[in-house]
Amino acid sequence: MNRKVVAHERRQAERAARRPLNRTVRNLLILLIALVTVVPLLGFAATATAAPVSSHRAGQGVGHRRHAVRRKHVAARHKHVVHHRAPKRRVAAKNATARRTSKPAAKKPVKKTTSGATTTTSTTSTTSTTSTTSTTTSTTQAAAQSTAVESPQSAATAQPVGGPAGPWNLVFDDEFAGSSLDTSKWSTGWFGSGITQPVNSSEEECYDPGQVAVTNGELDLTAIAKSESCGATRPYASGIVTTNGKFSFTYGFAEARIWLPGSGSTATDWPAFWTVGQNWPTDGEIDVVEGLGGKPCGTFHGPDGNGAGEGGACSNGTVTGGWHTFGADWEPGSVTWYYDGQKLETVTAGVTGAPMYLILNLAVDQTNGGPVQVPATMRVDYVRVWQH
């Protein structure tokens, strides 16, 4: 029992001896923890207080880099757009390969009456814009064709390309600037609505309004392989528009800028821009341009020979694969044709003087037209008629 008491007292004495040492170690640990925790915080505060300007400049540098990257990105986008910008309109005067670089502003329809003209609806331009557009022409094209381009003319000030000096007054104009056909000026179909029969029995297409489109500032008449019924079942469908009952004129200069289907000097199918009277052939017919046997030709048909043709001429030049102007100056006793501003032919025999209306069509006819090509599109930039 005494031994137990003695052992207990010995342990108590050892514990008492160790207490100061434990207290010292604990205090040292607390001090060490305080140093590790507090000193870095004091250093950070001192740094932040000593150099606020440097922090601001660092942030400003980031901002500058961000704006620099944005400017570089915008510049790259701008360069990309300019490089691929599609030309919109060019006037082709004595130029067989002119492409479009700009487009006149939208036209405002107005009533206009001119001596010698029977006009249901005609238009004149009220505003116009002239723009400069970058274009790229390959070396091969430059070597093979002329690439000279004149500044675009607005419809309000434009004059016939290559025609005799004016003054000329614009009595009809369609720049096809909208998103659909202007039905105040044009109708689809040949003497009817919907799908209609062709003009000649030798044609192999039905005229379908679905093959007429106005897009990208142009009128498109497209021939496709599609069996349709229009009095008879025919293997092709194509487009036609006329101003019959909406606009007609007596004497004047009719002009259209057209991209004919085909290649080189050969026009495929049977594209045509022409005028005709109500009583054929007594009232006459002027084929401003039609692809006869693959050649672009201008012909006048009158009452002599039951409309067999009073005369005309065909061009041997390259008038496909690009935009070209085709015009006819109809005067009392004469008709003169101009292709890309160059005089083609003049006819003086049997020229009639009855009112005529306008027609644009793309037929498929292996008897009268050129080689059959489908699908094929006749593209029309504008149609204009002037009178003195």
Protein backbone atom coordinates (compact mmCIF):
# COMPACT_ATOMS: atom_id res chain seq x y z
CA MET A 1 0.00 0.00 0.00
CA ASN A 2 2.84 2.31 0.89
CA ARG A 3 4.53 1.45 -2.37
CA LYS A 4 1.43 2.61 -4.26
CA VAL A 5 1.39 5.89 -2.40
CA VAL A 6 5.04 6.46 -3.09
CA ALA A 7 4.59 5.71 -6.82
CA HIS A 8 1.66 8.07 -7.03
CA GLU A 9 3.56 10.90 -5.39
CA ARG A 10 6.51 10.28 -7.69
CA ARG A 11 4.24 10.65 -10.77
CA GLN A 12 2.74 13.82 -9.39
CA ALA A 13 6.20 15.26 -8.92
CA GLU A 14 7.21 14.37 -12.51
CA ARG A 15 4.10 16.00 -13.86
CA ALA A 16 4.71 19.14 -11.90
CA ALA A 17 8.27 19.24 -13.26
CA ARG A 18 7.09 18.92 -16.85
CA ARG A 19 4.36 21.64 -16.70
CA PRO A 20 6.63 24.66 -17.29
CA LEU A 21 8.25 22.93 -20.26
CA ASN A 22 4.88 22.09 -21.83
CA ARG A 23 3.69 25.65 -21.29
CA THR A 24 6.80 26.99 -22.99
CA VAL A 25 6.44 24.66 -26.00
CA ARG A 26 2.79 25.61 -26.35
CA ASN A 27 3.60 29.31 -26.32
CA LEU A 28 6.31 28.81 -28.93
CA LEU A 29 3.88 26.97 -31.18
CA ILE A 30 1.30 29.75 -30.85
CA LEU A 31 3.92 32.34 -31.72
CA LEU A 32 5.08 30.33 -34.74
CA ILE A 33 1.53 29.97 -36.05
CA ALA A 34 0.96 33.69 -35.61
CA LEU A 35 4.12 34.51 -37.53
CA VAL A 36 3.22 32.16 -40.39
CA THR A 37 -0.32 33.59 -40.67
CA VAL A 38 0.08 37.30 -40.04
CA VAL A 39 3.35 38.18 -41.77
CA PRO A 40 2.20 37.29 -45.34
CA LEU A 41 -0.95 39.32 -44.85
CA LEU A 42 1.09 42.31 -43.78
CA GLY A 43 3.33 41.89 -46.84
CA PHE A 44 0.38 41.72 -49.23
CA ALA A 45 -1.18 44.85 -47.72
CA ALA A 46 2.13 46.68 -48.01
CA THR A 47 2.49 45.67 -51.66
CA ALA A 48 -1.06 46.71 -52.52
CA THR A 49 -0.57 50.05 -50.79
CA ALA A 50 2.80 50.73 -52.36
CA ALA A 51 1.94 50.08 -56.05
CA PRO A 52 -1.68 50.89 -56.99
CA VAL A 53 -0.57 52.52 -60.28
CA SER A 54 1.14 49.36 -61.46
CA SER A 55 -2.05 47.39 -60.87
CA HIS A 56 -4.07 49.90 -62.92
CA ARG A 57 -1.57 49.81 -65.77
CA ALA A 58 -1.63 46.06 -65.73
CA GLY A 59 -5.39 46.12 -66.13
CA GLN A 60 -5.11 48.78 -68.82
CA GLY A 61 -2.64 46.59 -70.70
CA VAL A 62 -5.14 43.75 -70.72
CA GLY A 63 -7.78 46.13 -72.04
CA HIS A 64 -5.49 47.35 -74.79
CA ARG A 65 -4.73 43.80 -75.83
CA ARG A 66 -8.45 42.98 -75.92
CA HIS A 67 -9.23 45.99 -78.09
CA ALA A 68 -6.27 45.24 -80.32
CA VAL A 69 -7.53 41.71 -80.85
CA ARG A 70 -11.01 43.03 -81.66
CA ARG A 71 -9.63 45.58 -84.14
CA LYS A 72 -7.62 42.84 -85.79
CA HIS A 73 -10.70 40.62 -85.96
CA VAL A 74 -12.86 43.39 -87.44
CA ALA A 75 -10.17 44.27 -89.95
CA ALA A 76 -9.93 40.64 -91.00
CA ARG A 77 -13.71 40.46 -91.45
CA HIS A 78 -13.71 43.69 -93.47
CA LYS A 79 -10.92 42.42 -95.70
CA HIS A 80 -12.83 39.18 -96.23
CA VAL A 81 -16.04 40.99 -97.22
CA VAL A 82 -14.29 43.31 -99.66
CA HIS A 83 -12.49 40.43 -101.31
CA HIS A 84 -15.69 38.45 -101.84
CA ARG A 85 -18.05 41.30 -102.45
CA ALA A 86 -20.23 40.40 -105.37
CA PRO A 87 -20.40 42.99 -108.08
CA LYS A 88 -23.87 44.42 -108.43
CA ARG A 89 -24.19 46.46 -111.64
CA ARG A 90 -22.20 47.79 -114.59
CA VAL A 91 -23.38 49.44 -117.76
CA ALA A 92 -22.18 47.51 -120.80
CA ALA A 93 -21.61 50.00 -123.59
CA LYS A 94 -19.60 48.49 -126.43
CA ASN A 95 -18.43 45.88 -123.97
CA ALA A 96 -19.23 42.25 -124.54
CA THR A 97 -18.26 41.09 -121.07
CA ALA A 98 -19.38 43.80 -118.65
CA ARG A 99 -20.60 42.55 -115.29
CA ARG A 100 -22.93 44.26 -112.84
CA THR A 101 -21.36 46.49 -110.19
CA SER A 102 -24.19 48.56 -108.77
CA LYS A 103 -27.94 48.90 -108.83
CA PRO A 104 -30.10 52.02 -109.11
CA ALA A 105 -32.32 52.75 -106.18
CA ALA A 106 -35.87 51.47 -106.09
CA LYS A 107 -38.20 53.00 -108.64
CA LYS A 108 -41.39 54.83 -107.82
CA PRO A 109 -44.22 54.06 -110.26
CA VAL A 110 -45.87 57.08 -111.82
CA LYS A 111 -48.35 57.62 -114.60
CA LYS A 112 -46.70 58.86 -117.77
CA THR A 113 -48.27 59.64 -121.12
CA THR A 114 -46.14 60.20 -124.20
CA SER A 115 -47.25 61.08 -127.69
CA GLY A 116 -47.50 57.96 -129.81
CA ALA A 117 -47.52 55.61 -126.82
CA THR A 118 -50.40 53.68 -125.31
CA THR A 119 -49.23 53.31 -121.72
CA THR A 120 -51.19 51.58 -119.00
CA THR A 121 -48.41 51.79 -116.41
CA SER A 122 -44.92 53.13 -116.85
CA THR A 123 -42.23 54.12 -114.42
CA THR A 124 -39.50 56.63 -114.00
CA SER A 125 -36.78 56.60 -111.41
CA THR A 126 -37.01 59.21 -108.67
CA THR A 127 -33.75 58.46 -106.94
CA SER A 128 -30.52 56.84 -107.94
CA THR A 129 -27.24 55.90 -106.41
CA THR A 130 -23.83 55.36 -107.86
CA SER A 131 -21.50 53.04 -106.04
CA THR A 132 -18.02 51.79 -106.64
CA THR A 133 -17.48 48.08 -106.16
CA SER A 134 -14.28 46.14 -106.15
CA THR A 135 -14.06 43.49 -108.83
CA THR A 136 -11.46 40.92 -109.66
CA THR A 137 -10.81 39.79 -113.22
CA SER A 138 -8.61 36.82 -113.90
CA THR A 139 -5.61 37.14 -116.18
CA THR A 140 -7.14 34.67 -118.59
CA GLN A 141 -10.36 36.67 -118.88
CA ALA A 142 -8.44 39.92 -119.25
CA ALA A 143 -6.42 38.45 -122.10
CA ALA A 144 -9.43 36.98 -123.87
CA GLN A 145 -12.02 39.73 -123.42
CA SER A 146 -12.28 43.47 -122.89
CA THR A 147 -12.90 44.40 -119.27
CA ALA A 148 -13.41 48.15 -119.62
CA VAL A 149 -16.41 49.28 -117.62
CA GLU A 150 -18.25 52.58 -117.58
CA SER A 151 -19.73 54.15 -114.50
CA PRO A 152 -23.24 52.86 -113.83
CA GLN A 153 -26.12 54.98 -115.10
CA SER A 154 -29.37 55.32 -113.23
CA ALA A 155 -32.52 54.59 -115.18
CA ALA A 156 -33.57 58.23 -114.80
CA THR A 157 -30.58 59.50 -116.78
CA ALA A 158 -29.68 56.45 -118.89
CA GLN A 159 -29.88 56.70 -122.65
CA PRO A 160 -30.02 53.87 -125.21
CA VAL A 161 -26.68 52.09 -125.53
CA GLY A 162 -25.28 52.95 -128.95
CA GLY A 163 -28.51 54.42 -130.25
CA PRO A 164 -28.90 57.75 -132.03
CA ALA A 165 -28.63 60.93 -130.04
CA GLY A 166 -31.69 62.05 -128.09
CA PRO A 167 -33.30 63.60 -126.37
CA TRP A 168 -34.96 60.37 -125.29
CA ASN A 169 -37.73 60.13 -122.72
CA LEU A 170 -38.00 56.97 -120.64
CA VAL A 171 -41.57 55.64 -120.91
CA PHE A 172 -41.10 52.13 -119.52
CA ASP A 173 -38.53 50.75 -117.10
CA ASP A 174 -38.20 47.65 -114.97
CA GLU A 175 -34.93 47.10 -113.11
CA PHE A 176 -36.29 43.96 -111.37
CA ALA A 177 -35.18 45.38 -108.02
CA GLY A 178 -37.93 43.75 -105.98
CA SER A 179 -38.40 40.24 -104.66
CA SER A 180 -41.16 39.25 -107.07
CA LEU A 181 -42.44 40.06 -110.54
CA ASP A 182 -44.15 43.44 -110.82
CA THR A 183 -47.59 42.35 -111.98
CA SER A 184 -48.61 45.94 -112.73
CA LYS A 185 -46.21 45.67 -115.69
CA TRP A 186 -45.97 41.98 -116.53
CA SER A 187 -48.10 38.86 -116.86
CA THR A 188 -46.91 35.27 -117.01
CA GLY A 189 -48.28 32.84 -119.59
CA TRP A 190 -49.12 33.06 -123.26
CA PHE A 191 -52.71 34.33 -123.63
CA GLY A 192 -53.81 32.83 -120.35
CA SER A 193 -52.93 32.34 -116.71
CA GLY A 194 -51.34 29.42 -114.94
CA ILE A 195 -49.63 26.84 -117.13
CA THR A 196 -50.17 27.85 -120.76
CA GLN A 197 -49.37 26.60 -124.24
CA PRO A 198 -46.23 27.71 -126.10
CA VAL A 199 -46.11 30.45 -128.72
CA ASN A 200 -45.33 28.08 -131.62
CA SER A 201 -46.42 24.49 -132.11
CA SER A 202 -42.80 23.43 -132.66
CA GLU A 203 -41.87 24.43 -129.11
CA GLU A 204 -41.44 21.56 -126.66
CA GLU A 205 -42.27 23.36 -123.41
CA CYS A 206 -45.27 24.54 -121.48
CA TYR A 207 -45.01 28.01 -119.96
CA ASP A 208 -45.19 27.66 -116.19
CA PRO A 209 -45.31 30.68 -113.81
CA GLY A 210 -43.14 28.63 -111.46
CA GLN A 211 -40.26 29.06 -113.92
CA VAL A 212 -40.36 32.86 -113.58
CA ALA A 213 -38.43 34.43 -110.70
CA VAL A 214 -37.16 37.87 -109.69
CA THR A 215 -34.11 37.62 -107.46
CA ASN A 216 -30.80 39.41 -106.87
CA GLY A 217 -31.91 42.35 -109.02
CA GLU A 218 -32.71 40.30 -112.13
CA LEU A 219 -35.49 38.41 -113.87
CA ASP A 220 -34.79 34.70 -114.36
CA LEU A 221 -36.62 32.55 -116.91
CA THR A 222 -35.56 28.94 -116.42
CA ALA A 223 -36.17 25.93 -118.65
CA ILE A 224 -36.16 22.52 -116.99
CA ALA A 225 -36.99 18.93 -117.93
CA LYS A 226 -40.50 18.52 -116.54
CA SER A 227 -43.47 16.86 -118.20
CA GLU A 228 -46.51 19.16 -118.18
CA SER A 229 -49.82 19.36 -119.97
CA CYS A 230 -50.83 22.54 -121.83
CA GLY A 231 -53.16 21.32 -124.56
CA ALA A 232 -50.65 18.53 -125.12
CA THR A 233 -48.13 16.85 -122.88
CA ARG A 234 -44.69 18.39 -123.36
CA PRO A 235 -41.35 17.31 -121.82
CA TYR A 236 -40.14 20.74 -120.69
CA ALA A 237 -41.34 23.67 -118.58
CA SER A 238 -40.07 27.24 -118.96
CA GLY A 239 -40.94 30.88 -118.36
CA ILE A 240 -42.46 33.79 -120.27
CA VAL A 241 -43.53 37.33 -119.31
CA THR A 242 -45.41 39.90 -121.41
CA THR A 243 -46.79 43.42 -121.02
CA ASN A 244 -49.90 42.58 -123.06
CA GLY A 245 -52.75 44.77 -121.82
CA LYS A 246 -50.43 46.69 -119.46
CA PHE A 247 -47.96 48.54 -121.67
CA SER A 248 -47.63 49.07 -125.40
CA PHE A 249 -45.88 51.70 -127.50
CA THR A 250 -45.63 52.98 -131.06
CA TYR A 251 -42.10 53.85 -132.16
CA GLY A 252 -39.22 54.15 -129.77
CA PHE A 253 -36.09 52.40 -128.58
CA ALA A 254 -36.56 49.08 -126.74
CA GLU A 255 -33.51 47.75 -124.87
CA ALA A 256 -32.74 44.94 -122.45
CA ARG A 257 -29.57 43.78 -120.74
CA ILE A 258 -29.55 39.99 -120.91
CA TRP A 259 -27.37 37.03 -120.04
CA LEU A 260 -28.23 34.47 -122.72
CA PRO A 261 -27.85 30.75 -122.00
CA GLY A 262 -25.08 29.10 -124.00
CA SER A 263 -21.37 29.45 -124.53
CA GLY A 264 -19.17 31.36 -126.95
CA SER A 265 -21.16 32.44 -129.99
CA THR A 266 -23.77 29.68 -129.59
CA ALA A 267 -26.99 30.40 -127.73
CA THR A 268 -28.72 27.31 -126.44
CA ASP A 269 -32.49 26.74 -126.55
CA TRP A 270 -34.56 29.62 -128.01
CA PRO A 271 -34.28 32.76 -125.86
CA ALA A 272 -35.99 35.91 -127.12
CA PHE A 273 -36.74 39.54 -126.34
CA TRP A 274 -39.35 40.83 -128.78
CA THR A 275 -42.32 43.11 -129.41
CA VAL A 276 -45.53 42.26 -131.25
CA GLY A 277 -48.86 43.87 -132.11
CA GLN A 278 -52.33 42.61 -131.32
CA ASN A 279 -53.00 41.47 -134.88
CA TRP A 280 -50.14 39.35 -136.18
CA PRO A 281 -48.63 39.69 -138.75
CA THR A 282 -50.53 42.81 -139.83
CA ASP A 283 -49.32 44.84 -136.84
CA GLY A 284 -45.76 43.56 -137.13
CA GLU A 285 -43.20 41.92 -134.87
CA ILE A 286 -39.73 43.10 -133.86
CA ASP A 287 -37.38 40.42 -132.58
CA VAL A 288 -34.88 42.56 -130.71
CA VAL A 289 -32.86 39.40 -130.12
CA GLU A 290 -33.67 35.71 -130.51
CA GLY A 291 -31.45 32.66 -130.64
CA LEU A 292 -32.10 31.30 -134.13
CA GLY A 293 -30.14 28.12 -134.71
CA GLY A 294 -27.81 29.13 -131.90
CA LYS A 295 -27.10 32.61 -133.35
CA PRO A 296 -28.39 35.82 -131.73
CA CYS A 297 -30.46 37.53 -134.41
CA GLY A 298 -32.62 40.60 -134.91
CA THR A 299 -35.55 40.28 -137.31
CA PHE A 300 -38.63 42.23 -138.37
CA HIS A 301 -41.80 40.40 -139.36
CA GLY A 302 -44.54 42.26 -141.21
CA PRO A 303 -47.63 41.43 -143.20
CA ASP A 304 -45.68 40.59 -146.37
CA GLY A 305 -45.28 36.86 -146.87
CA ASN A 306 -47.64 36.16 -143.99
CA GLY A 307 -45.05 37.24 -141.47
CA ALA A 308 -42.16 35.36 -143.05
CA GLY A 309 -39.83 38.25 -142.24
CA GLU A 310 -38.93 41.54 -143.87
CA GLY A 311 -35.24 41.28 -142.98
CA GLY A 312 -32.68 41.41 -140.23
CA ALA A 313 -29.27 40.02 -139.34
CA CYS A 314 -27.48 37.67 -136.96
CA SER A 315 -24.39 38.37 -134.90
CA ASN A 316 -21.27 36.22 -135.08
CA GLY A 317 -19.82 37.78 -131.96
CA THR A 318 -19.63 36.34 -128.47
CA VAL A 319 -22.89 37.36 -126.83
CA THR A 320 -23.34 34.54 -124.32
CA GLY A 321 -21.66 33.80 -121.03
CA GLY A 322 -22.02 37.36 -119.77
CA TRP A 323 -24.18 40.47 -119.70
CA HIS A 324 -24.94 42.10 -123.06
CA THR A 325 -27.29 44.85 -124.22
CA PHE A 326 -29.72 44.25 -127.07
CA GLY A 327 -31.70 47.17 -128.48
CA ALA A 328 -33.88 48.08 -131.44
CA ASP A 329 -34.70 51.60 -132.60
CA TRP A 330 -38.15 51.54 -134.17
CA GLU A 331 -38.81 54.65 -136.23
CA PRO A 332 -41.44 55.41 -138.91
CA GLY A 333 -40.28 53.34 -141.88
CA SER A 334 -37.24 51.69 -140.25
CA VAL A 335 -35.94 49.41 -137.51
CA THR A 336 -32.25 49.46 -136.49
CA TRP A 337 -30.67 46.93 -134.12
CA TYR A 338 -27.79 47.60 -131.70
CA TYR A 339 -25.92 44.81 -129.89
CA ASP A 340 -23.62 46.03 -127.12
CA GLY A 341 -23.84 49.50 -128.62
CA GLN A 342 -22.74 48.38 -132.09
CA LYS A 343 -25.10 48.76 -135.03
CA LEU A 344 -26.12 45.36 -136.38
CA GLU A 345 -28.62 46.04 -139.18
CA THR A 346 -31.34 48.38 -140.47
CA VAL A 347 -34.58 47.26 -142.15
CA THR A 348 -36.75 49.71 -144.07
CA ALA A 349 -39.14 47.44 -145.99
CA GLY A 350 -42.66 46.84 -144.70
CA VAL A 351 -42.15 48.43 -141.28
CA THR A 352 -45.50 48.77 -139.54
CA GLY A 353 -46.75 51.49 -137.21
CA ALA A 354 -49.29 49.80 -134.93
CA PRO A 355 -48.73 49.62 -131.14
CA MET A 356 -46.68 46.69 -129.83
CA TYR A 357 -46.14 45.17 -126.39
CA LEU A 358 -43.04 43.52 -124.87
CA ILE A 359 -42.25 39.82 -124.47
CA LEU A 360 -39.38 37.92 -122.82
CA ASN A 361 -39.33 34.13 -123.06
CA LEU A 362 -37.09 31.08 -123.10
CA ALA A 363 -38.42 28.38 -125.41
CA VAL A 364 -37.12 24.88 -126.05
CA ASP A 365 -37.31 24.35 -129.80
CA GLN A 366 -34.92 22.17 -131.79
CA THR A 367 -36.42 23.38 -135.08
CA ASN A 368 -35.86 27.13 -134.67
CA GLY A 369 -33.61 27.43 -131.64
CA GLY A 370 -30.14 26.25 -130.78
CA PRO A 371 -28.99 23.07 -129.04
CA VAL A 372 -31.26 21.98 -126.21
CA GLN A 373 -29.79 22.63 -122.78
CA VAL A 374 -31.72 22.07 -119.56
CA PRO A 375 -31.67 23.33 -116.99
CA ALA A 376 -30.90 26.71 -118.55
CA THR A 377 -31.69 30.25 -117.46
CA MET A 378 -32.20 33.45 -119.42
CA ARG A 379 -31.24 36.26 -117.03
CA VAL A 380 -32.56 39.81 -117.56
CA ASP A 381 -31.00 42.78 -115.78
CA TYR A 382 -33.42 45.47 -117.00
CA VAL A 383 -35.93 46.33 -119.72
CA ARG A 384 -36.31 49.95 -120.87
CA VAL A 385 -38.24 51.75 -123.57
CA TRP A 386 -37.60 55.34 -124.65
CA GLN A 387 -39.40 57.65 -127.02
CA HIS A 388 -38.49 61.00 -128.56
